[in-house]
């Protein structure tokens, strides 16, 4: 996938410009950059990842694409553990939920960072059986059931794109109840 594919997975959410956002499991920032394009330069985006070198790469990529790193805050943290953030308007989780077996626990934790009616954008492989690199993916149907249990609204399927490895990716949008 390229940058346009990443943007096209997020754009159907029709997000408003600005606000306080986070990318949980940001890595080197493919979806952080897409989120920046979708929510605009006035939005504050916290890029959360355990890998400091990936976050430095993200800062470089953000500077190259958007001519600054303004309103991008890299946070070297494990998003599955407690840490401090201001209440968020939304969170992107792209290819990060599939590393956890107890997804309901993780989603409840993620939910705690969101303002009431805050958005969760999930990008995931659309399969329920993984491999060594993607150990615990979940289909949109599985996510729909899980989101309700974790205190979110019924998710809306936004888009799908083919994957060379595990069928396809999907993006979904749900809100904190």
N, C-alpha and C. Protein backbone atom coordinates (compact mmCIF):
# COMPACT_ATOMS: atom_id res chain seq x y z
N UNK A 1 0.84 -1.18 0.00
CA UNK A 1 0.00 0.00 0.00
C UNK A 1 0.89 1.24 0.00
N UNK A 2 0.34 2.30 -0.57
CA UNK A 2 1.05 3.56 -0.58
C UNK A 2 0.25 4.61 0.20
N UNK A 3 0.76 5.83 0.24
CA UNK A 3 0.12 6.89 1.02
C UNK A 3 -1.34 7.11 0.60
N UNK A 4 -1.61 7.12 -0.70
CA UNK A 4 -2.99 7.32 -1.17
C UNK A 4 -3.91 6.21 -0.67
N UNK A 5 -3.41 4.97 -0.65
CA UNK A 5 -4.22 3.86 -0.11
C UNK A 5 -4.54 4.10 1.36
N UNK A 6 -3.54 4.55 2.11
CA UNK A 6 -3.76 4.81 3.54
C UNK A 6 -4.80 5.90 3.74
N UNK A 7 -4.66 6.98 2.99
CA UNK A 7 -5.63 8.08 3.07
C UNK A 7 -7.02 7.58 2.69
N UNK A 8 -7.12 6.80 1.62
CA UNK A 8 -8.42 6.32 1.15
C UNK A 8 -9.09 5.37 2.13
N UNK A 9 -8.32 4.74 3.00
CA UNK A 9 -8.92 3.92 4.06
C UNK A 9 -9.52 4.78 5.17
N UNK A 10 -8.97 5.96 5.39
CA UNK A 10 -9.45 6.83 6.46
C UNK A 10 -10.46 7.88 6.00
N UNK A 11 -10.30 8.37 4.77
CA UNK A 11 -11.13 9.49 4.29
C UNK A 11 -12.65 9.24 4.37
N UNK A 12 -13.15 8.03 4.11
CA UNK A 12 -14.61 7.84 4.17
C UNK A 12 -15.23 8.08 5.55
N UNK A 13 -14.41 8.24 6.58
CA UNK A 13 -14.95 8.55 7.91
C UNK A 13 -15.50 9.97 7.97
N UNK A 14 -15.14 10.81 7.00
CA UNK A 14 -15.62 12.20 6.95
C UNK A 14 -15.37 12.92 8.27
N UNK A 15 -14.14 12.89 8.73
CA UNK A 15 -13.76 13.50 10.00
C UNK A 15 -13.70 15.01 9.84
N UNK A 16 -14.04 15.71 10.92
CA UNK A 16 -13.92 17.17 10.89
C UNK A 16 -12.45 17.55 11.03
N UNK A 17 -12.13 18.75 10.63
CA UNK A 17 -10.77 19.26 10.68
C UNK A 17 -10.43 19.66 12.11
N UNK A 18 -9.17 19.43 12.49
CA UNK A 18 -8.69 19.83 13.80
C UNK A 18 -8.93 18.76 14.86
N UNK A 19 -8.80 19.17 16.10
CA UNK A 19 -9.04 18.27 17.22
C UNK A 19 -7.77 17.63 17.76
N UNK A 20 -7.96 16.75 18.73
CA UNK A 20 -6.87 16.03 19.39
C UNK A 20 -6.99 14.56 19.02
N UNK A 21 -5.97 14.03 18.36
CA UNK A 21 -5.97 12.67 17.85
C UNK A 21 -4.75 11.90 18.31
N UNK A 22 -4.81 10.59 18.21
CA UNK A 22 -3.64 9.74 18.46
C UNK A 22 -3.63 8.61 17.46
N UNK A 23 -2.44 8.16 17.16
CA UNK A 23 -2.23 6.95 16.37
C UNK A 23 -1.54 5.97 17.31
N UNK A 24 -2.29 4.94 17.73
CA UNK A 24 -1.77 3.94 18.67
C UNK A 24 -1.10 2.82 17.89
N UNK A 25 0.21 2.66 18.11
CA UNK A 25 1.01 1.73 17.34
C UNK A 25 1.43 2.39 16.04
N UNK A 26 1.86 3.63 16.14
CA UNK A 26 2.14 4.45 14.95
C UNK A 26 3.27 3.92 14.08
N UNK A 27 4.24 3.25 14.68
CA UNK A 27 5.38 2.78 13.89
C UNK A 27 6.06 3.95 13.21
N UNK A 28 6.43 3.77 11.95
CA UNK A 28 7.09 4.84 11.21
C UNK A 28 6.09 5.82 10.59
N UNK A 29 4.81 5.62 10.85
CA UNK A 29 3.83 6.67 10.60
C UNK A 29 3.02 6.65 9.33
N UNK A 30 2.90 5.54 8.65
CA UNK A 30 2.12 5.53 7.41
C UNK A 30 0.70 6.07 7.64
N UNK A 31 0.05 5.61 8.71
CA UNK A 31 -1.31 6.06 8.96
C UNK A 31 -1.36 7.37 9.73
N UNK A 32 -0.28 7.72 10.42
CA UNK A 32 -0.21 9.04 11.05
C UNK A 32 -0.21 10.11 9.96
N UNK A 33 0.56 9.88 8.91
CA UNK A 33 0.62 10.82 7.79
C UNK A 33 -0.74 10.90 7.08
N UNK A 34 -1.39 9.76 6.94
CA UNK A 34 -2.73 9.75 6.32
C UNK A 34 -3.72 10.50 7.20
N UNK A 35 -3.64 10.28 8.51
CA UNK A 35 -4.53 10.98 9.43
C UNK A 35 -4.31 12.49 9.34
N UNK A 36 -3.04 12.91 9.29
CA UNK A 36 -2.74 14.34 9.16
C UNK A 36 -3.42 14.93 7.93
N UNK A 37 -3.37 14.20 6.83
CA UNK A 37 -4.00 14.68 5.61
C UNK A 37 -5.51 14.79 5.76
N UNK A 38 -6.10 13.86 6.49
CA UNK A 38 -7.56 13.82 6.64
C UNK A 38 -8.07 14.86 7.64
N UNK A 39 -7.37 15.04 8.77
CA UNK A 39 -7.87 15.96 9.81
C UNK A 39 -7.23 17.35 9.74
N UNK A 40 -6.23 17.52 8.90
CA UNK A 40 -5.67 18.84 8.65
C UNK A 40 -4.54 19.24 9.59
N UNK A 41 -3.92 20.35 9.24
CA UNK A 41 -2.72 20.81 9.95
C UNK A 41 -3.01 21.40 11.32
N UNK A 42 -4.25 21.75 11.61
CA UNK A 42 -4.58 22.31 12.92
C UNK A 42 -4.78 21.24 13.98
N UNK A 43 -4.94 20.00 13.57
CA UNK A 43 -5.13 18.91 14.53
C UNK A 43 -3.82 18.61 15.24
N UNK A 44 -3.92 18.26 16.50
CA UNK A 44 -2.77 17.75 17.25
C UNK A 44 -2.84 16.23 17.16
N UNK A 45 -1.72 15.61 16.79
CA UNK A 45 -1.68 14.15 16.67
C UNK A 45 -0.56 13.62 17.56
N UNK A 46 -0.93 12.74 18.48
CA UNK A 46 0.03 12.02 19.31
C UNK A 46 0.35 10.70 18.60
N UNK A 47 1.59 10.51 18.23
CA UNK A 47 2.04 9.27 17.60
C UNK A 47 2.64 8.40 18.70
N UNK A 48 1.96 7.33 19.05
CA UNK A 48 2.35 6.49 20.19
C UNK A 48 2.91 5.17 19.67
N UNK A 49 4.16 4.88 20.04
CA UNK A 49 4.78 3.63 19.67
C UNK A 49 5.95 3.37 20.61
N UNK A 50 6.25 2.09 20.84
CA UNK A 50 7.36 1.71 21.71
C UNK A 50 8.72 1.95 21.05
N UNK A 51 8.76 1.97 19.74
CA UNK A 51 10.01 2.04 18.99
C UNK A 51 10.41 3.49 18.72
N UNK A 52 11.39 3.98 19.45
CA UNK A 52 11.83 5.38 19.31
C UNK A 52 12.39 5.67 17.93
N UNK A 53 13.10 4.71 17.34
CA UNK A 53 13.67 4.96 16.00
C UNK A 53 12.57 5.09 14.95
N UNK A 54 11.50 4.33 15.08
CA UNK A 54 10.36 4.47 14.16
C UNK A 54 9.72 5.85 14.30
N UNK A 55 9.62 6.33 15.54
CA UNK A 55 9.04 7.65 15.75
C UNK A 55 9.93 8.75 15.16
N UNK A 56 11.25 8.59 15.22
CA UNK A 56 12.15 9.56 14.58
C UNK A 56 11.96 9.54 13.07
N UNK A 57 11.79 8.35 12.51
CA UNK A 57 11.52 8.23 11.07
C UNK A 57 10.21 8.91 10.71
N UNK A 58 9.20 8.75 11.56
CA UNK A 58 7.92 9.42 11.36
C UNK A 58 8.10 10.93 11.36
N UNK A 59 8.84 11.46 12.30
CA UNK A 59 9.07 12.91 12.34
C UNK A 59 9.71 13.41 11.05
N UNK A 60 10.69 12.67 10.56
CA UNK A 60 11.35 13.04 9.30
C UNK A 60 10.37 13.00 8.14
N UNK A 61 9.56 11.95 8.07
CA UNK A 61 8.58 11.82 6.98
C UNK A 61 7.53 12.92 7.07
N UNK A 62 7.08 13.23 8.27
CA UNK A 62 6.08 14.29 8.47
C UNK A 62 6.64 15.64 8.02
N UNK A 63 7.87 15.92 8.41
CA UNK A 63 8.53 17.18 8.02
C UNK A 63 8.66 17.26 6.50
N UNK A 64 9.05 16.17 5.87
CA UNK A 64 9.23 16.16 4.41
C UNK A 64 7.91 16.35 3.68
N UNK A 65 6.85 15.74 4.16
CA UNK A 65 5.55 15.81 3.47
C UNK A 65 4.79 17.10 3.77
N UNK A 66 4.89 17.58 5.02
CA UNK A 66 4.07 18.72 5.44
C UNK A 66 4.88 19.95 5.81
N UNK A 67 6.19 19.93 5.58
CA UNK A 67 7.09 21.06 5.80
C UNK A 67 7.24 21.45 7.27
N UNK A 68 6.77 20.62 8.19
CA UNK A 68 6.98 20.88 9.61
C UNK A 68 6.56 19.64 10.40
N UNK A 69 6.86 19.67 11.68
CA UNK A 69 6.32 18.64 12.57
C UNK A 69 5.37 19.28 13.57
N UNK A 70 4.93 20.49 13.28
CA UNK A 70 3.99 21.19 14.16
C UNK A 70 2.77 20.33 14.45
N UNK A 71 2.37 20.32 15.68
CA UNK A 71 1.19 19.58 16.14
C UNK A 71 1.33 18.06 16.02
N UNK A 72 2.55 17.57 15.80
CA UNK A 72 2.83 16.14 15.87
C UNK A 72 3.65 15.90 17.12
N UNK A 73 3.14 15.05 18.00
CA UNK A 73 3.82 14.78 19.26
C UNK A 73 4.15 13.30 19.34
N UNK A 74 5.41 12.94 19.09
CA UNK A 74 5.80 11.53 19.20
C UNK A 74 5.90 11.13 20.68
N UNK A 75 5.30 10.00 21.02
CA UNK A 75 5.33 9.50 22.40
C UNK A 75 5.85 8.07 22.41
N UNK A 76 7.06 7.87 22.90
CA UNK A 76 7.57 6.50 22.99
C UNK A 76 6.93 5.78 24.19
N UNK A 77 5.81 5.13 23.93
CA UNK A 77 5.04 4.45 24.96
C UNK A 77 4.41 3.20 24.39
N UNK A 78 4.03 2.32 25.29
CA UNK A 78 3.23 1.14 24.96
C UNK A 78 1.77 1.51 25.21
N UNK A 79 1.00 1.65 24.14
CA UNK A 79 -0.38 2.12 24.29
C UNK A 79 -1.26 1.16 25.07
N UNK A 80 -0.81 -0.08 25.27
CA UNK A 80 -1.62 -1.05 26.02
C UNK A 80 -1.48 -0.89 27.53
N UNK A 81 -0.58 -0.01 27.94
CA UNK A 81 -0.33 0.24 29.36
C UNK A 81 -0.77 1.67 29.71
N UNK A 82 -1.02 1.94 30.99
CA UNK A 82 -1.44 3.29 31.38
C UNK A 82 -0.37 4.34 31.09
N UNK A 83 -0.78 5.47 30.58
CA UNK A 83 0.05 6.66 30.40
C UNK A 83 -0.89 7.83 30.23
N UNK A 84 -0.35 9.02 30.29
CA UNK A 84 -1.17 10.24 30.28
C UNK A 84 -1.31 10.83 28.88
N UNK A 85 -2.54 11.15 28.55
CA UNK A 85 -2.87 11.92 27.35
C UNK A 85 -4.08 12.78 27.69
N UNK A 86 -4.24 13.91 27.02
CA UNK A 86 -5.49 14.65 27.20
C UNK A 86 -6.63 13.86 26.56
N UNK A 87 -7.88 14.13 26.92
CA UNK A 87 -9.00 13.44 26.27
C UNK A 87 -8.97 13.68 24.76
N UNK A 88 -9.11 12.59 24.02
CA UNK A 88 -8.93 12.64 22.56
C UNK A 88 -10.26 12.65 21.82
N UNK A 89 -10.25 13.36 20.68
CA UNK A 89 -11.40 13.33 19.77
C UNK A 89 -11.43 12.03 18.98
N UNK A 90 -10.26 11.43 18.79
CA UNK A 90 -10.22 10.19 18.02
C UNK A 90 -8.88 9.50 18.12
N UNK A 91 -8.92 8.22 17.78
CA UNK A 91 -7.74 7.36 17.78
C UNK A 91 -7.76 6.53 16.51
N UNK A 92 -6.59 6.40 15.89
CA UNK A 92 -6.40 5.47 14.80
C UNK A 92 -5.60 4.29 15.35
N UNK A 93 -6.07 3.10 15.05
CA UNK A 93 -5.32 1.87 15.33
C UNK A 93 -5.22 1.11 14.02
N UNK A 94 -4.07 1.20 13.40
CA UNK A 94 -3.86 0.55 12.11
C UNK A 94 -2.83 -0.57 12.28
N UNK A 95 -3.28 -1.77 12.10
CA UNK A 95 -2.41 -2.95 12.20
C UNK A 95 -1.72 -3.04 13.56
N UNK A 96 -2.43 -2.67 14.61
CA UNK A 96 -1.87 -2.78 15.96
C UNK A 96 -2.70 -3.69 16.86
N UNK A 97 -4.00 -3.77 16.63
CA UNK A 97 -4.86 -4.61 17.47
C UNK A 97 -4.55 -6.09 17.28
N UNK A 98 -4.06 -6.47 16.11
CA UNK A 98 -3.84 -7.90 15.84
C UNK A 98 -2.65 -8.49 16.60
N UNK A 99 -1.99 -7.71 17.43
CA UNK A 99 -0.90 -8.25 18.26
C UNK A 99 -1.39 -8.69 19.64
N UNK A 100 -2.67 -8.54 19.93
CA UNK A 100 -3.20 -8.83 21.25
C UNK A 100 -4.23 -9.95 21.21
N UNK A 101 -4.13 -10.85 22.17
CA UNK A 101 -5.13 -11.92 22.27
C UNK A 101 -6.40 -11.41 22.95
N UNK A 102 -6.24 -10.61 24.01
CA UNK A 102 -7.40 -10.09 24.74
C UNK A 102 -7.78 -8.73 24.17
N UNK A 103 -8.41 -8.76 23.02
CA UNK A 103 -8.75 -7.54 22.30
C UNK A 103 -9.80 -6.70 23.04
N UNK A 104 -10.72 -7.35 23.73
CA UNK A 104 -11.74 -6.60 24.46
C UNK A 104 -11.08 -5.74 25.55
N UNK A 105 -10.13 -6.31 26.27
CA UNK A 105 -9.42 -5.56 27.31
C UNK A 105 -8.68 -4.37 26.70
N UNK A 106 -8.01 -4.59 25.58
CA UNK A 106 -7.27 -3.51 24.91
C UNK A 106 -8.23 -2.42 24.44
N UNK A 107 -9.35 -2.81 23.83
CA UNK A 107 -10.30 -1.80 23.35
C UNK A 107 -10.92 -1.01 24.50
N UNK A 108 -11.17 -1.65 25.61
CA UNK A 108 -11.69 -0.91 26.77
C UNK A 108 -10.65 0.09 27.27
N UNK A 109 -9.39 -0.31 27.26
CA UNK A 109 -8.32 0.60 27.65
C UNK A 109 -8.23 1.77 26.66
N UNK A 110 -8.25 1.46 25.38
CA UNK A 110 -8.20 2.49 24.34
C UNK A 110 -9.38 3.45 24.50
N UNK A 111 -10.55 2.91 24.77
CA UNK A 111 -11.77 3.70 24.97
C UNK A 111 -11.58 4.75 26.06
N UNK A 112 -10.81 4.42 27.08
CA UNK A 112 -10.62 5.33 28.22
C UNK A 112 -9.90 6.62 27.81
N UNK A 113 -9.22 6.65 26.69
CA UNK A 113 -8.52 7.84 26.22
C UNK A 113 -9.44 8.78 25.44
N UNK A 114 -10.60 8.30 25.04
CA UNK A 114 -11.49 9.07 24.16
C UNK A 114 -12.48 9.92 24.95
N UNK A 115 -12.79 11.09 24.41
CA UNK A 115 -13.90 11.90 24.90
C UNK A 115 -15.20 11.13 24.63
N UNK A 116 -16.29 11.45 25.33
CA UNK A 116 -17.58 10.86 24.94
C UNK A 116 -17.84 11.13 23.45
N UNK A 117 -18.27 10.12 22.76
CA UNK A 117 -18.50 10.16 21.31
C UNK A 117 -17.21 10.29 20.51
N UNK A 118 -16.06 10.05 21.13
CA UNK A 118 -14.79 10.07 20.41
C UNK A 118 -14.73 8.92 19.42
N UNK A 119 -14.03 9.13 18.33
CA UNK A 119 -13.98 8.17 17.23
C UNK A 119 -12.82 7.20 17.38
N UNK A 120 -13.06 5.96 17.00
CA UNK A 120 -12.00 4.96 16.85
C UNK A 120 -12.02 4.50 15.40
N UNK A 121 -10.90 4.71 14.73
CA UNK A 121 -10.73 4.23 13.36
C UNK A 121 -9.81 3.02 13.42
N UNK A 122 -10.30 1.89 12.98
CA UNK A 122 -9.52 0.66 12.97
C UNK A 122 -9.19 0.28 11.54
N UNK A 123 -7.93 -0.07 11.32
CA UNK A 123 -7.50 -0.66 10.05
C UNK A 123 -6.91 -2.01 10.40
N UNK A 124 -7.43 -3.05 9.75
CA UNK A 124 -7.03 -4.40 10.13
C UNK A 124 -7.16 -5.33 8.93
N UNK A 125 -6.47 -6.47 9.03
CA UNK A 125 -6.64 -7.52 8.02
C UNK A 125 -8.01 -8.15 8.21
N UNK A 126 -8.69 -8.44 7.12
CA UNK A 126 -10.06 -8.95 7.17
C UNK A 126 -10.08 -10.48 7.20
N UNK A 127 -9.39 -11.06 8.16
CA UNK A 127 -9.35 -12.50 8.37
C UNK A 127 -9.32 -12.75 9.88
N UNK A 128 -9.73 -13.94 10.27
CA UNK A 128 -9.71 -14.30 11.69
C UNK A 128 -8.58 -15.25 12.04
N UNK A 129 -7.79 -15.65 11.05
CA UNK A 129 -6.66 -16.54 11.31
C UNK A 129 -5.41 -15.86 10.79
N UNK A 130 -4.40 -15.76 11.65
CA UNK A 130 -3.21 -15.02 11.30
C UNK A 130 -2.03 -15.90 10.95
N UNK A 131 -0.86 -15.30 11.12
CA UNK A 131 0.41 -15.98 10.86
C UNK A 131 1.44 -15.44 11.85
N UNK A 132 2.67 -15.76 11.65
CA UNK A 132 3.73 -15.34 12.56
C UNK A 132 3.82 -13.81 12.68
N UNK A 133 3.60 -13.08 11.60
CA UNK A 133 3.76 -11.62 11.58
C UNK A 133 2.48 -10.89 11.96
N UNK A 134 1.35 -11.53 11.74
CA UNK A 134 0.04 -10.96 12.08
C UNK A 134 -0.68 -12.03 12.90
N UNK A 135 -0.35 -12.12 14.19
CA UNK A 135 -0.79 -13.29 14.95
C UNK A 135 -2.29 -13.40 15.21
N UNK A 136 -2.99 -12.27 15.45
CA UNK A 136 -4.40 -12.36 15.86
C UNK A 136 -5.28 -11.33 15.14
N UNK A 137 -5.38 -11.42 13.82
CA UNK A 137 -6.23 -10.46 13.10
C UNK A 137 -7.70 -10.74 13.38
N UNK A 138 -8.55 -9.83 12.93
CA UNK A 138 -9.99 -10.05 13.11
C UNK A 138 -10.75 -9.44 11.95
N UNK A 139 -11.74 -10.17 11.50
CA UNK A 139 -12.59 -9.70 10.41
C UNK A 139 -13.45 -8.53 10.89
N UNK A 140 -14.02 -7.83 9.95
CA UNK A 140 -14.94 -6.76 10.31
C UNK A 140 -16.09 -7.31 11.14
N UNK A 141 -16.58 -8.47 10.80
CA UNK A 141 -17.69 -9.07 11.56
C UNK A 141 -17.27 -9.33 13.01
N UNK A 142 -16.07 -9.85 13.21
CA UNK A 142 -15.57 -10.08 14.57
C UNK A 142 -15.39 -8.77 15.32
N UNK A 143 -14.86 -7.76 14.62
CA UNK A 143 -14.69 -6.46 15.24
C UNK A 143 -16.03 -5.86 15.64
N UNK A 144 -17.05 -6.04 14.82
CA UNK A 144 -18.37 -5.49 15.13
C UNK A 144 -18.89 -6.02 16.45
N UNK A 145 -18.77 -7.30 16.68
CA UNK A 145 -19.20 -7.91 17.94
C UNK A 145 -18.34 -7.39 19.10
N UNK A 146 -17.05 -7.37 18.90
CA UNK A 146 -16.11 -6.96 19.92
C UNK A 146 -16.29 -5.49 20.32
N UNK A 147 -16.50 -4.62 19.36
CA UNK A 147 -16.65 -3.19 19.65
C UNK A 147 -17.83 -2.95 20.58
N UNK A 148 -18.93 -3.61 20.35
CA UNK A 148 -20.11 -3.45 21.20
C UNK A 148 -19.81 -3.89 22.63
N UNK A 149 -19.10 -4.99 22.79
CA UNK A 149 -18.73 -5.49 24.13
C UNK A 149 -17.80 -4.52 24.85
N UNK A 150 -16.99 -3.80 24.09
CA UNK A 150 -15.99 -2.90 24.67
C UNK A 150 -16.51 -1.49 24.90
N UNK A 151 -17.80 -1.25 24.63
CA UNK A 151 -18.39 0.05 24.93
C UNK A 151 -18.37 1.04 23.79
N UNK A 152 -18.40 0.52 22.56
CA UNK A 152 -18.44 1.36 21.37
C UNK A 152 -19.77 1.14 20.63
N UNK A 153 -20.05 2.05 19.71
CA UNK A 153 -21.24 1.90 18.86
C UNK A 153 -21.01 0.81 17.83
N UNK A 154 -22.06 0.45 17.13
CA UNK A 154 -21.96 -0.49 16.01
C UNK A 154 -21.00 0.09 14.97
N UNK A 155 -19.91 -0.61 14.65
CA UNK A 155 -18.95 -0.06 13.68
C UNK A 155 -19.53 0.04 12.27
N UNK A 156 -19.00 1.00 11.54
CA UNK A 156 -19.36 1.18 10.13
C UNK A 156 -18.14 0.82 9.29
N UNK A 157 -18.34 -0.07 8.33
CA UNK A 157 -17.28 -0.43 7.40
C UNK A 157 -17.06 0.74 6.46
N UNK A 158 -15.80 1.19 6.37
CA UNK A 158 -15.48 2.35 5.55
C UNK A 158 -14.96 1.97 4.17
N UNK A 159 -13.98 1.06 4.14
CA UNK A 159 -13.33 0.72 2.88
C UNK A 159 -12.61 -0.61 3.01
N UNK A 160 -12.27 -1.18 1.86
CA UNK A 160 -11.46 -2.40 1.79
C UNK A 160 -10.44 -2.22 0.68
N UNK A 161 -9.24 -2.78 0.90
CA UNK A 161 -8.23 -2.81 -0.15
C UNK A 161 -7.55 -4.18 -0.11
N UNK A 162 -7.16 -4.69 -1.26
CA UNK A 162 -6.51 -6.01 -1.29
C UNK A 162 -5.18 -6.01 -0.53
N UNK A 163 -4.83 -7.17 -0.02
CA UNK A 163 -3.54 -7.37 0.63
C UNK A 163 -2.82 -8.53 -0.05
N UNK A 164 -1.52 -8.40 -0.20
CA UNK A 164 -0.74 -9.49 -0.79
C UNK A 164 -0.62 -10.67 0.16
N UNK A 165 -0.79 -10.41 1.45
CA UNK A 165 -0.49 -11.45 2.44
C UNK A 165 -1.73 -12.14 3.01
N UNK A 166 -2.70 -11.38 3.45
CA UNK A 166 -3.86 -11.96 4.12
C UNK A 166 -5.16 -11.38 3.56
N UNK A 167 -5.50 -11.74 2.36
CA UNK A 167 -6.76 -11.38 1.71
C UNK A 167 -6.90 -9.89 1.46
N UNK A 168 -7.29 -9.13 2.51
CA UNK A 168 -7.54 -7.70 2.33
C UNK A 168 -7.47 -6.97 3.67
N UNK A 169 -7.33 -5.65 3.57
CA UNK A 169 -7.45 -4.76 4.72
C UNK A 169 -8.84 -4.16 4.69
N UNK A 170 -9.33 -3.79 5.86
CA UNK A 170 -10.55 -2.99 5.93
C UNK A 170 -10.32 -1.86 6.91
N UNK A 171 -11.11 -0.84 6.78
CA UNK A 171 -11.14 0.23 7.77
C UNK A 171 -12.56 0.32 8.29
N UNK A 172 -12.66 0.64 9.57
CA UNK A 172 -13.97 0.74 10.22
C UNK A 172 -13.96 1.91 11.19
N UNK A 173 -15.12 2.47 11.41
CA UNK A 173 -15.30 3.60 12.30
C UNK A 173 -16.34 3.25 13.35
N UNK A 174 -16.01 3.53 14.61
CA UNK A 174 -16.94 3.36 15.70
C UNK A 174 -16.71 4.50 16.68
N UNK A 175 -17.66 4.71 17.58
CA UNK A 175 -17.59 5.81 18.53
C UNK A 175 -17.74 5.30 19.95
N UNK A 176 -17.10 5.99 20.86
CA UNK A 176 -17.24 5.68 22.28
C UNK A 176 -18.66 6.00 22.73
N UNK A 177 -19.28 5.05 23.42
CA UNK A 177 -20.60 5.29 24.00
C UNK A 177 -20.46 6.11 25.27
